[in-house]
PDB file of N, CA and C in Angstrom:
ATOM      1  N   MET A   1      25.877  92.918 -29.965  1.00  0.00           N
ATOM      2  CA  MET A   1      25.513  93.795 -30.366  1.00  0.00           C
ATOM      3  C   MET A   1      26.834  94.544 -30.952  1.00  0.00           C
ATOM      4  N   SER A   2      27.330  94.905 -31.964  1.00  0.00           N
ATOM      5  CA  SER A   2      28.098  96.014 -32.515  1.00  0.00           C
ATOM      6  C   SER A   2      28.058  97.215 -32.708  1.00  0.00           C
ATOM      7  N   LYS A   3      29.112  98.135 -32.057  1.00  0.00           N
ATOM      8  CA  LYS A   3      29.153  99.331 -32.049  1.00  0.00           C
ATOM      9  C   LYS A   3      29.503 100.070 -32.644  1.00  0.00           C
ATOM     10  N   ARG A   4      28.728 100.765 -34.031  1.00  0.00           N
ATOM     11  CA  ARG A   4      28.915 101.697 -35.225  1.00  0.00           C
ATOM     12  C   ARG A   4      28.483 102.417 -35.051  1.00  0.00           C
ATOM     13  N   THR A   5      29.509 103.764 -35.735  1.00  0.00           N
ATOM     14  CA  THR A   5      28.871 104.896 -35.596  1.00  0.00           C
ATOM     15  C   THR A   5      29.370 105.181 -37.492  1.00  0.00           C
ATOM     16  N   VAL A   6      27.805 106.027 -37.674  1.00  0.00           N
ATOM     17  CA  VAL A   6      28.092 106.817 -38.894  1.00  0.00           C
ATOM     18  C   VAL A   6      28.884 107.926 -38.973  1.00  0.00           C
ATOM     19  N   LEU A   7      29.664 108.027 -39.928  1.00  0.00           N
ATOM     20  CA  LEU A   7      30.107 109.273 -40.333  1.00  0.00           C
ATOM     21  C   LEU A   7      29.474 110.567 -40.583  1.00  0.00           C
ATOM     22  N   CYS A   8      29.288 109.998 -42.035  1.00  0.00           N
ATOM     23  CA  CYS A   8      27.797 110.670 -42.830  1.00  0.00           C
ATOM     24  C   CYS A   8      27.666 109.860 -44.222  1.00  0.00           C
ATOM     25  N   GLY A   9      27.277 110.223 -44.500  1.00  0.00           N
ATOM     26  CA  GLY A   9      26.166 109.429 -46.004  1.00  0.00           C
ATOM     27  C   GLY A   9      25.121 110.002 -46.532  1.00  0.00           C
ATOM     28  N   ALA A  10      24.609 109.212 -47.598  1.00  0.00           N
ATOM     29  CA  ALA A  10      23.908 110.294 -48.599  1.00  0.00           C
ATOM     30  C   ALA A  10      22.576 109.319 -49.684  1.00  0.00           C
ATOM     31  N   ASN A  11      21.769 109.540 -49.690  1.00  0.00           N
ATOM     32  CA  ASN A  11      21.186 108.518 -50.385  1.00  0.00           C
ATOM     33  C   ASN A  11      20.143 109.372 -51.126  1.00  0.00           C
ATOM     34  N   ALA A  12      20.391 108.161 -52.606  1.00  0.00           N
ATOM     35  CA  ALA A  12      19.875 108.820 -54.141  1.00  0.00           C
ATOM     36  C   ALA A  12      18.492 108.740 -54.340  1.00  0.00           C
ATOM     37  N   TYR A  13      17.865 108.045 -53.342  1.00  0.00           N
ATOM     38  CA  TYR A  13      16.404 108.130 -53.579  1.00  0.00           C
ATOM     39  C   TYR A  13      15.477 109.492 -52.975  1.00  0.00           C
ATOM     40  N   GLU A  14      16.382 109.750 -51.636  1.00  0.00           N
ATOM     41  CA  GLU A  14      15.924 110.967 -51.194  1.00  0.00           C
ATOM     42  C   GLU A  14      16.552 112.201 -51.477  1.00  0.00           C
ATOM     43  N   GLN A  15      17.677 112.273 -52.658  1.00  0.00           N
ATOM     44  CA  GLN A  15      18.534 113.079 -52.819  1.00  0.00           C
ATOM     45  C   GLN A  15      18.622 114.086 -51.241  1.00  0.00           C
ATOM     46  N   LYS A  16      19.076 113.031 -50.496  1.00  0.00           N
ATOM     47  CA  LYS A  16      19.231 113.837 -49.248  1.00  0.00           C
ATOM     48  C   LYS A  16      20.976 113.457 -48.249  1.00  0.00           C
ATOM     49  N   TYR A  17      21.883 114.676 -47.700  1.00  0.00           N
ATOM     50  CA  TYR A  17      22.877 114.356 -47.345  1.00  0.00           C
ATOM     51  C   TYR A  17      22.711 113.616 -45.921  1.00  0.00           C
ATOM     52  N   TYR A  18      23.598 113.036 -45.033  1.00  0.00           N
ATOM     53  CA  TYR A  18      23.637 113.200 -43.530  1.00  0.00           C
ATOM     54  C   TYR A  18      25.442 113.222 -42.840  1.00  0.00           C
ATOM     55  N   PHE A  19      25.580 114.403 -41.921  1.00  0.00           N
ATOM     56  CA  PHE A  19      27.037 113.925 -41.512  1.00  0.00           C
ATOM     57  C   PHE A  19      26.414 113.896 -40.212  1.00  0.00           C
ATOM     58  N   ASN A  20      27.044 113.547 -39.236  1.00  0.00           N
ATOM     59  CA  ASN A  20      26.995 112.999 -38.234  1.00  0.00           C
ATOM     60  C   ASN A  20      27.806 114.292 -37.286  1.00  0.00           C
ATOM     61  N   GLU A  21      26.697 115.142 -36.531  1.00  0.00           N
ATOM     62  CA  GLU A  21      27.304 115.714 -35.528  1.00  0.00           C
ATOM     63  C   GLU A  21      28.585 116.077 -34.661  1.00  0.00           C
ATOM     64  N   ARG A  22      28.983 114.897 -34.201  1.00  0.00           N
ATOM     65  CA  ARG A  22      29.582 113.950 -33.591  1.00  0.00           C
ATOM     66  C   ARG A  22      30.986 114.148 -34.044  1.00  0.00           C
ATOM     67  N   PHE A  23      31.197 114.789 -35.034  1.00  0.00           N
ATOM     68  CA  PHE A  23      32.115 114.896 -35.580  1.00  0.00           C
ATOM     69  C   PHE A  23      32.453 116.471 -36.315  1.00  0.00           C
ATOM     70  N   LYS A  24      32.107 117.681 -35.730  1.00  0.00           N
ATOM     71  CA  LYS A  24      31.575 118.747 -36.148  1.00  0.00           C
ATOM     72  C   LYS A  24      32.761 119.514 -35.793  1.00  0.00           C
ATOM     73  N   GLN A  25      33.978 118.707 -35.485  1.00  0.00           N
ATOM     74  CA  GLN A  25      35.206 119.395 -34.935  1.00  0.00           C
ATOM     75  C   GLN A  25      35.509 119.091 -36.065  1.00  0.00           C
ATOM     76  N   LEU A  26      35.565 117.988 -36.936  1.00  0.00           N
ATOM     77  CA  LEU A  26      36.465 118.371 -37.959  1.00  0.00           C
ATOM     78  C   LEU A  26      36.480 119.469 -38.934  1.00  0.00           C
ATOM     79  N   PRO A  27      37.887 119.665 -39.603  1.00  0.00           N
ATOM     80  CA  PRO A  27      37.856 120.579 -40.410  1.00  0.00           C
ATOM     81  C   PRO A  27      36.599 121.138 -41.545  1.00  0.00           C
ATOM     82  N   MET A  28      36.519 122.119 -41.288  1.00  0.00           N
ATOM     83  CA  MET A  28      35.302 122.147 -42.614  1.00  0.00           C
ATOM     84  C   MET A  28      36.234 121.809 -43.862  1.00  0.00           C
ATOM     85  N   SER A  29      36.793 122.226 -44.206  1.00  0.00           N
ATOM     86  CA  SER A  29      37.569 121.635 -45.619  1.00  0.00           C
ATOM     87  C   SER A  29      37.370 119.691 -45.769  1.00  0.00           C
ATOM     88  N   ILE A  30      37.635 118.680 -44.795  1.00  0.00           N
ATOM     89  CA  ILE A  30      37.667 117.721 -44.660  1.00  0.00           C
ATOM     90  C   ILE A  30      35.529 117.207 -44.574  1.00  0.00           C
ATOM     91  N   GLN A  31      35.318 118.188 -43.531  1.00  0.00           N
ATOM     92  CA  GLN A  31      33.224 118.035 -43.867  1.00  0.00           C
ATOM     93  C   GLN A  31      33.271 118.028 -45.565  1.00  0.00           C
ATOM     94  N   GLU A  32      33.863 119.192 -46.282  1.00  0.00           N
ATOM     95  CA  GLU A  32      33.353 118.990 -47.440  1.00  0.00           C
ATOM     96  C   GLU A  32      33.385 118.528 -48.561  1.00  0.00           C
ATOM     97  N   GLU A  33      35.020 118.090 -48.365  1.00  0.00           N
ATOM     98  CA  GLU A  33      35.311 116.503 -48.990  1.00  0.00           C
ATOM     99  C   GLU A  33      34.450 115.404 -49.013  1.00  0.00           C
ATOM    100  N   LEU A  34      33.993 114.888 -47.684  1.00  0.00           N
ATOM    101  CA  LEU A  34      33.016 113.747 -47.122  1.00  0.00           C
ATOM    102  C   LEU A  34      31.412 113.965 -48.043  1.00  0.00           C
ATOM    103  N   HIS A  35      31.690 115.137 -47.945  1.00  0.00           N
ATOM    104  CA  HIS A  35      29.667 115.805 -48.333  1.00  0.00           C
ATOM    105  C   HIS A  35      30.170 115.413 -49.873  1.00  0.00           C
ATOM    106  N   ILE A  36      31.142 115.517 -50.652  1.00  0.00           N
ATOM    107  CA  ILE A  36      31.502 115.531 -52.379  1.00  0.00           C
ATOM    108  C   ILE A  36      31.511 114.069 -52.503  1.00  0.00           C
ATOM    109  N   ILE A  37      32.554 113.123 -51.947  1.00  0.00           N
ATOM    110  CA  ILE A  37      32.462 111.701 -52.202  1.00  0.00           C
ATOM    111  C   ILE A  37      31.246 111.188 -52.091  1.00  0.00           C
ATOM    112  N   SER A  38      30.388 111.410 -51.036  1.00  0.00           N
ATOM    113  CA  SER A  38      29.002 110.791 -50.567  1.00  0.00           C
ATOM    114  C   SER A  38      28.260 111.135 -51.636  1.00  0.00           C
ATOM    115  N   VAL A  39      28.010 112.083 -52.361  1.00  0.00           N
ATOM    116  CA  VAL A  39      27.020 112.743 -53.331  1.00  0.00           C
ATOM    117  C   VAL A  39      27.341 112.545 -54.551  1.00  0.00           C
ATOM    118  N   LEU A  40      28.583 111.847 -54.847  1.00  0.00           N
ATOM    119  CA  LEU A  40      29.195 111.896 -56.584  1.00  0.00           C
ATOM    120  C   LEU A  40      29.096 110.306 -56.701  1.00  0.00           C
ATOM    121  N   PHE A  41      29.323 109.786 -55.298  1.00  0.00           N
ATOM    122  CA  PHE A  41      28.892 108.087 -54.914  1.00  0.00           C
ATOM    123  C   PHE A  41      27.432 108.080 -55.927  1.00  0.00           C
ATOM    124  N   THR A  42      26.500 108.406 -55.058  1.00  0.00           N
ATOM    125  CA  THR A  42      24.918 108.267 -55.340  1.00  0.00           C
ATOM    126  C   THR A  42      24.547 108.956 -56.507  1.00  0.00           C
ATOM    127  N   GLU A  43      25.344 109.916 -57.252  1.00  0.00           N
ATOM    128  CA  GLU A  43      24.633 110.230 -58.290  1.00  0.00           C
ATOM    129  C   GLU A  43      25.264 109.436 -59.671  1.00  0.00           C
ATOM    130  N   GLU A  44      26.639 109.026 -59.136  1.00  0.00           N
ATOM    131  CA  GLU A  44      27.579 107.975 -60.094  1.00  0.00           C
ATOM    132  C   GLU A  44      27.216 106.553 -60.090  1.00  0.00           C
ATOM    133  N   VAL A  45      26.410 106.197 -58.837  1.00  0.00           N
ATOM    134  CA  VAL A  45      25.671 104.336 -58.854  1.00  0.00           C
ATOM    135  C   VAL A  45      24.712 103.948 -58.099  1.00  0.00           C
ATOM    136  N   GLY A  46      24.182 105.232 -57.665  1.00  0.00           N
ATOM    137  CA  GLY A  46      22.761 105.560 -56.905  1.00  0.00           C
ATOM    138  C   GLY A  46      22.437 104.539 -55.649  1.00  0.00           C
ATOM    139  N   GLY A  47      21.649 104.134 -54.991  1.00  0.00           N
ATOM    140  CA  GLY A  47      21.562 103.619 -53.865  1.00  0.00           C
ATOM    141  C   GLY A  47      21.674 104.605 -52.553  1.00  0.00           C
ATOM    142  N   ILE A  48      22.105 103.549 -51.185  1.00  0.00           N
ATOM    143  CA  ILE A  48      22.459 104.499 -50.322  1.00  0.00           C
ATOM    144  C   ILE A  48      23.802 104.408 -49.550  1.00  0.00           C
ATOM    145  N   PHE A  49      24.286 105.884 -49.694  1.00  0.00           N
ATOM    146  CA  PHE A  49      26.329 105.499 -49.439  1.00  0.00           C
ATOM    147  C   PHE A  49      26.232 105.923 -47.875  1.00  0.00           C
ATOM    148  N   THR A  50      27.202 104.852 -47.333  1.00  0.00           N
ATOM    149  CA  THR A  50      27.549 105.526 -46.335  1.00  0.00           C
ATOM    150  C   THR A  50      29.089 105.108 -45.938  1.00  0.00           C
ATOM    151  N   MET A  51      29.353 106.213 -44.415  1.00  0.00           N
ATOM    152  CA  MET A  51      30.688 105.626 -44.297  1.00  0.00           C
ATOM    153  C   MET A  51      30.710 105.632 -42.590  1.00  0.00           C
ATOM    154  N   ILE A  52      31.111 104.354 -42.176  1.00  0.00           N
ATOM    155  CA  ILE A  52      30.394 104.042 -41.071  1.00  0.00           C
ATOM    156  C   ILE A  52      31.787 103.665 -39.912  1.00  0.00           C
ATOM    157  N   PHE A  53      32.080 104.121 -38.724  1.00  0.00           N
ATOM    158  CA  PHE A  53      33.281 103.154 -38.243  1.00  0.00           C
ATOM    159  C   PHE A  53      33.322 102.367 -37.923  1.00  0.00           C
ATOM    160  N   GLU A  54      33.699 100.622 -37.877  1.00  0.00           N
ATOM    161  CA  GLU A  54      33.654 100.105 -37.097  1.00  0.00           C
ATOM    162  C   GLU A  54      33.864 100.330 -35.059  1.00  0.00           C
ATOM    163  N   GLU A  55      32.983  99.183 -34.732  1.00  0.00           N
ATOM    164  CA  GLU A  55      33.607  98.846 -33.313  1.00  0.00           C
ATOM    165  C   GLU A  55      35.167  99.158 -32.656  1.00  0.00           C
ATOM    166  N   ASP A  56      36.110  98.601 -33.965  1.00  0.00           N
ATOM    167  CA  ASP A  56      37.586  98.555 -33.451  1.00  0.00           C
ATOM    168  C   ASP A  56      38.296 100.134 -34.432  1.00  0.00           C
ATOM    169  N   GLY A  57      37.083 101.194 -34.133  1.00  0.00           N
ATOM    170  CA  GLY A  57      37.797 101.530 -35.397  1.00  0.00           C
ATOM    171  C   GLY A  57      38.302 102.372 -36.330  1.00  0.00           C
ATOM    172  N   ARG A  58      38.427 100.881 -37.471  1.00  0.00           N
ATOM    173  CA  ARG A  58      38.104 100.680 -38.778  1.00  0.00           C
ATOM    174  C   ARG A  58      37.063 101.798 -39.591  1.00  0.00           C
ATOM    175  N   LEU A  59      37.125 102.307 -40.659  1.00  0.00           N
ATOM    176  CA  LEU A  59      36.738 103.035 -41.401  1.00  0.00           C
ATOM    177  C   LEU A  59      35.735 102.048 -42.973  1.00  0.00           C
ATOM    178  N   SER A  60      34.635 101.708 -42.115  1.00  0.00           N
ATOM    179  CA  SER A  60      33.976 100.933 -43.547  1.00  0.00           C
ATOM    180  C   SER A  60      33.237 102.032 -44.789  1.00  0.00           C
ATOM    181  N   LEU A  61      33.255 101.634 -46.267  1.00  0.00           N
ATOM    182  CA  LEU A  61      32.258 103.018 -46.916  1.00  0.00           C
ATOM    183  C   LEU A  61      31.428 101.039 -47.377  1.00  0.00           C
ATOM    184  N   GLU A  62      30.030 101.696 -47.208  1.00  0.00           N
ATOM    185  CA  GLU A  62      28.860 100.860 -47.766  1.00  0.00           C
ATOM    186  C   GLU A  62      27.635 101.079 -48.090  1.00  0.00           C
ATOM    187  N   VAL A  63      27.205 100.287 -49.011  1.00  0.00           N
ATOM    188  CA  VAL A  63      26.544 100.747 -50.240  1.00  0.00           C
ATOM    189  C   VAL A  63      24.913  99.955 -49.888  1.00  0.00           C
ATOM    190  N   MET A  64      24.175 100.209 -50.111  1.00  0.00           N
ATOM    191  CA  MET A  64      22.912  99.454 -49.998  1.00  0.00           C
ATOM    192  C   MET A  64      21.803 100.410 -51.063  1.00  0.00           C
ATOM    193  N   ALA A  65      20.787  99.200 -51.923  1.00  0.00           N
ATOM    194  CA  ALA A  65      20.187  99.527 -52.625  1.00  0.00           C
ATOM    195  C   ALA A  65      18.876  98.427 -52.750  1.00  0.00           C
ATOM    196  N   GLU A  66      17.707  99.561 -53.071  1.00  0.00           N
ATOM    197  CA  GLU A  66      16.809  99.153 -53.126  1.00  0.00           C
ATOM    198  C   GLU A  66      16.603  97.853 -53.761  1.00  0.00           C
ATOM    199  N   GLU A  67      15.735  96.926 -53.286  1.00  0.00           N
ATOM    200  CA  GLU A  67      15.652  96.272 -54.451  1.00  0.00           C
ATOM    201  C   GLU A  67      15.255  95.758 -55.817  1.00  0.00           C
ATOM    202  N   GLU A  68      14.224  96.969 -56.057  1.00  0.00           N
ATOM    203  CA  GLU A  68      14.114  96.988 -57.380  1.00  0.00           C
ATOM    204  C   GLU A  68      14.092  98.052 -57.810  1.00  0.00           C
ATOM    205  N   ASP A  69      15.432  98.404 -57.502  1.00  0.00           N
ATOM    206  CA  ASP A  69      15.730 100.012 -58.195  1.00  0.00           C
ATOM    207  C   ASP A  69      17.418  99.290 -59.116  1.00  0.00           C
ATOM    208  N   ILE A  70      16.247  99.741 -60.577  1.00  0.00           N
ATOM    209  CA  ILE A  70      17.018  98.391 -61.778  1.00  0.00           C
ATOM    210  C   ILE A  70      18.240  99.589 -62.381  1.00  0.00           C
ATOM    211  N   LEU A  71      18.249 100.308 -61.542  1.00  0.00           N
ATOM    212  CA  LEU A  71      19.163 101.601 -62.218  1.00  0.00           C
ATOM    213  C   LEU A  71      20.545 101.322 -61.417  1.00  0.00           C
ATOM    214  N   TYR A  72      20.741 100.824 -59.975  1.00  0.00           N
ATOM    215  CA  TYR A  72      21.837 100.911 -59.069  1.00  0.00           C
ATOM    216  C   TYR A  72      22.725  99.808 -60.008  1.00  0.00           C
ATOM    217  N   ASP A  73      23.763 100.092 -59.856  1.00  0.00           N
ATOM    218  CA  ASP A  73      25.322  99.345 -60.593  1.00  0.00           C
ATOM    219  C   ASP A  73      25.895  98.645 -59.389  1.00  0.00           C
ATOM    220  N   GLU A  74      25.676  97.664 -59.244  1.00  0.00           N
ATOM    221  CA  GLU A  74      26.613  97.009 -58.491  1.00  0.00           C
ATOM    222  C   GLU A  74      27.894  96.970 -58.348  1.00  0.00           C
ATOM    223  N   ILE A  75      28.208  96.305 -59.725  1.00  0.00           N
ATOM    224  CA  ILE A  75      29.392  96.308 -60.455  1.00  0.00           C
ATOM    225  C   ILE A  75      30.736  97.621 -60.198  1.00  0.00           C
ATOM    226  N   ALA A  76      29.820  98.906 -60.703  1.00  0.00           N
ATOM    227  CA  ALA A  76      30.258  99.979 -60.508  1.00  0.00           C
ATOM    228  C   ALA A  76      30.368 100.420 -58.497  1.00  0.00           C
ATOM    229  N   SER A  77      29.717  99.685 -58.109  1.00  0.00           N
ATOM    230  CA  SER A  77      29.229 100.598 -56.935  1.00  0.00           C
ATOM    231  C   SER A  77      30.751  99.715 -56.301  1.00  0.00           C
ATOM    232  N   GLY A  78      31.281  98.554 -56.553  1.00  0.00           N
ATOM    233  CA  GLY A  78      32.436  97.440 -55.413  1.00  0.00           C
ATOM    234  C   GLY A  78      33.687  98.438 -56.104  1.00  0.00           C
ATOM    235  N   LEU A  79      33.508  99.156 -57.979  1.00  0.00           N
ATOM    236  CA  LEU A  79      35.053  99.606 -58.406  1.00  0.00           C
ATOM    237  C   LEU A  79      34.764 100.767 -57.957  1.00  0.00           C
ATOM    238  N   TYR A  80      33.966 101.745 -57.296  1.00  0.00           N
ATOM    239  CA  TYR A  80      34.064 103.255 -56.952  1.00  0.00           C
ATOM    240  C   TYR A  80      34.761 103.353 -55.728  1.00  0.00           C
ATOM    241  N   ILE A  81      33.750 102.202 -54.738  1.00  0.00           N
ATOM    242  CA  ILE A  81      34.304 102.139 -53.711  1.00  0.00           C
ATOM    243  C   ILE A  81      35.942 102.017 -53.494  1.00  0.00           C
ATOM    244  N   ARG A  82      36.676 100.715 -54.558  1.00  0.00           N
ATOM    245  CA  ARG A  82      37.747 100.478 -54.160  1.00  0.00           C
ATOM    246  C   ARG A  82      38.700 101.921 -54.857  1.00  0.00           C
ATOM    247  N   GLU A  83      37.950 102.632 -55.943  1.00  0.00           N
ATOM    248  CA  GLU A  83      38.695 103.920 -56.683  1.00  0.00           C
ATOM    249  C   GLU A  83      38.474 104.880 -55.191  1.00  0.00           C
ATOM    250  N   ILE A  84      37.465 104.908 -54.208  1.00  0.00           N
ATOM    251  CA  ILE A  84      37.818 106.194 -53.172  1.00  0.00           C
ATOM    252  C   ILE A  84      38.619 105.785 -52.445  1.00  0.00           C
ATOM    253  N   GLN A  85      38.765 103.811 -51.700  1.00  0.00           N
ATOM    254  CA  GLN A  85      40.070 103.576 -50.874  1.00  0.00           C
ATOM    255  C   GLN A  85      41.504 104.195 -51.587  1.00  0.00           C
ATOM    256  N   ARG A  86      41.646 103.745 -52.644  1.00  0.00           N
ATOM    257  CA  ARG A  86      42.765 103.948 -53.009  1.00  0.00           C
ATOM    258  C   ARG A  86      43.028 105.568 -53.207  1.00  0.00           C
ATOM    259  N   LYS A  87      42.127 106.009 -53.606  1.00  0.00           N
ATOM    260  CA  LYS A  87      42.577 107.959 -54.038  1.00  0.00           C
ATOM    261  C   LYS A  87      42.390 108.505 -52.981  1.00  0.00           C
ATOM    262  N   LYS A  88      42.327 108.067 -51.395  1.00  0.00           N
ATOM    263  CA  LYS A  88      41.253 108.893 -50.521  1.00  0.00           C
ATOM    264  C   LYS A  88      42.000 107.822 -49.394  1.00  0.00           C
ATOM    265  N   GLN A  89      43.420 107.441 -50.111  1.00  0.00           N
ATOM    266  CA  GLN A  89      43.981 106.906 -48.751  1.00  0.00           C
ATOM    267  C   GLN A  89      44.209 107.722 -47.077  1.00  0.00           C
ATOM    268  N   ASP A  90      44.843 108.281 -48.055  1.00  0.00           N
ATOM    269  CA  ASP A  90      45.256 109.696 -46.523  1.00  0.00           C
ATOM    270  C   ASP A  90      44.369 109.722 -45.811  1.00  0.00           C
ATOM    271  N   LEU A  91      43.074 110.344 -46.380  1.00  0.00           N
ATOM    272  CA  LEU A  91      42.088 110.474 -45.937  1.00  0.00           C
ATOM    273  C   LEU A  91      41.196 109.392 -44.911  1.00  0.00           C
ATOM    274  N   MET A  92      40.741 108.067 -45.368  1.00  0.00           N
ATOM    275  CA  MET A  92      40.920 107.616 -44.714  1.00  0.00           C
ATOM    276  C   MET A  92      41.284 106.722 -43.385  1.00  0.00           C
ATOM    277  N   GLU A  93      42.399 107.379 -43.553  1.00  0.00           N
ATOM    278  CA  GLU A  93      43.531 107.264 -42.208  1.00  0.00           C
ATOM    279  C   GLU A  93      43.693 108.457 -41.173  1.00  0.00           C
ATOM    280  N   ALA A  94      43.671 109.117 -41.859  1.00  0.00           N
ATOM    281  CA  ALA A  94      43.074 110.828 -40.832  1.00  0.00           C
ATOM    282  C   ALA A  94      42.204 110.732 -40.136  1.00  0.00           C
ATOM    283  N   LEU A  95      41.420 110.192 -40.701  1.00  0.00           N
ATOM    284  CA  LEU A  95      39.556 109.794 -39.730  1.00  0.00           C
ATOM    285  C   LEU A  95      39.646 108.865 -39.301  1.00  0.00           C
ATOM    286  N   THR A  96      40.049 107.428 -39.599  1.00  0.00           N
ATOM    287  CA  THR A  96      40.271 106.334 -38.476  1.00  0.00           C
ATOM    288  C   THR A  96      41.231 106.955 -37.236  1.00  0.00           C
ATOM    289  N   MET A  97      42.245 107.453 -37.735  1.00  0.00           N
ATOM    290  CA  MET A  97      42.985 108.143 -36.254  1.00  0.00           C
ATOM    291  C   MET A  97      42.634 109.270 -35.372  1.00  0.00           C
ATOM    292  N   PHE A  98      41.322 110.060 -36.472  1.00  0.00           N
ATOM    293  CA  PHE A  98      40.651 110.913 -35.125  1.00  0.00           C
ATOM    294  C   PHE A  98      39.670 110.339 -34.771  1.00  0.00           C
ATOM    295  N   TYR A  99      39.294 109.408 -35.625  1.00  0.00           N
ATOM    296  CA  TYR A  99      37.827 108.850 -34.332  1.00  0.00           C
ATOM    297  C   TYR A  99      38.647 107.759 -32.917  1.00  0.00           C
ATOM    298  N   LYS A 100      39.886 107.567 -33.760  1.00  0.00           N
ATOM    299  CA  LYS A 100      40.332 106.460 -32.171  1.00  0.00           C
ATOM    300  C   LYS A 100      40.785 107.090 -31.325  1.00  0.00           C
ATOM    301  N   VAL A 101      41.449 108.320 -31.309  1.00  0.00           N
ATOM    302  CA  VAL A 101      42.322 109.408 -30.493  1.00  0.00           C
ATOM    303  C   VAL A 101      40.905 110.088 -29.745  1.00  0.00           C
ATOM    304  N   PHE A 102      40.100 111.003 -30.264  1.00  0.00           N
ATOM    305  CA  PHE A 102      38.825 111.779 -30.068  1.00  0.00           C
ATOM    306  C   PHE A 102      37.450 111.393 -29.298  1.00  0.00           C
ATOM    307  N   ILE A 103      37.105 109.996 -30.457  1.00  0.00           N
ATOM    308  CA  ILE A 103      35.527 109.623 -30.089  1.00  0.00           C
ATOM    309  C   ILE A 103      35.828 108.828 -29.155  1.00  0.00           C
ATOM    310  N   LEU A 104      36.801 107.174 -29.482  1.00  0.00           N
ATOM    311  CA  LEU A 104      37.286 106.230 -28.570  1.00  0.00           C
ATOM    312  C   LEU A 104      38.033 106.619 -27.793  1.00  0.00           C
ATOM    313  N   GLY A 105      39.106 107.694 -27.258  1.00  0.00           N
ATOM    314  CA  GLY A 105      40.096 108.223 -26.173  1.00  0.00           C
ATOM    315  C   GLY A 105      40.896 107.155 -25.897  1.00  0.00           C
ATOM    316  N   GLU A 106      41.218 106.523 -27.447  1.00  0.00           N
ATOM    317  CA  GLU A 106      43.296 105.908 -27.822  1.00  0.00           C
ATOM    318  C   GLU A 106      43.651 106.969 -27.427  1.00  0.00           C
ATOM    319  N   ARG A 107      44.595 106.678 -26.926  1.00  0.00           N
ATOM    320  CA  ARG A 107      46.313 107.357 -26.779  1.00  0.00           C
ATOM    321  C   ARG A 107      47.484 106.295 -27.424  1.00  0.00           C
TER     322      ARG A 107
END
């Protein structure tokens, strides 16, 4: 059983945003940036977007959509995820380091 930890996510169906309180020590500016990334993703593509730390500390961006959702754009989803990974590479690396040091206790 893998131990994955959700950092944040947004749900286009319920129009809700989730932020894991375990990460409340992140600077407010980063919390706000995560909120913007997540909500914009679901507004552009639809579905449910999540940022999840894998057991080894890597940060994954995932999206799911309901099977009957005809508005969800799977191609745009993949393109948008790659765009986030490219444009926000420094943020992703900083979040990974934060997770490894402060959550996993690695030094």
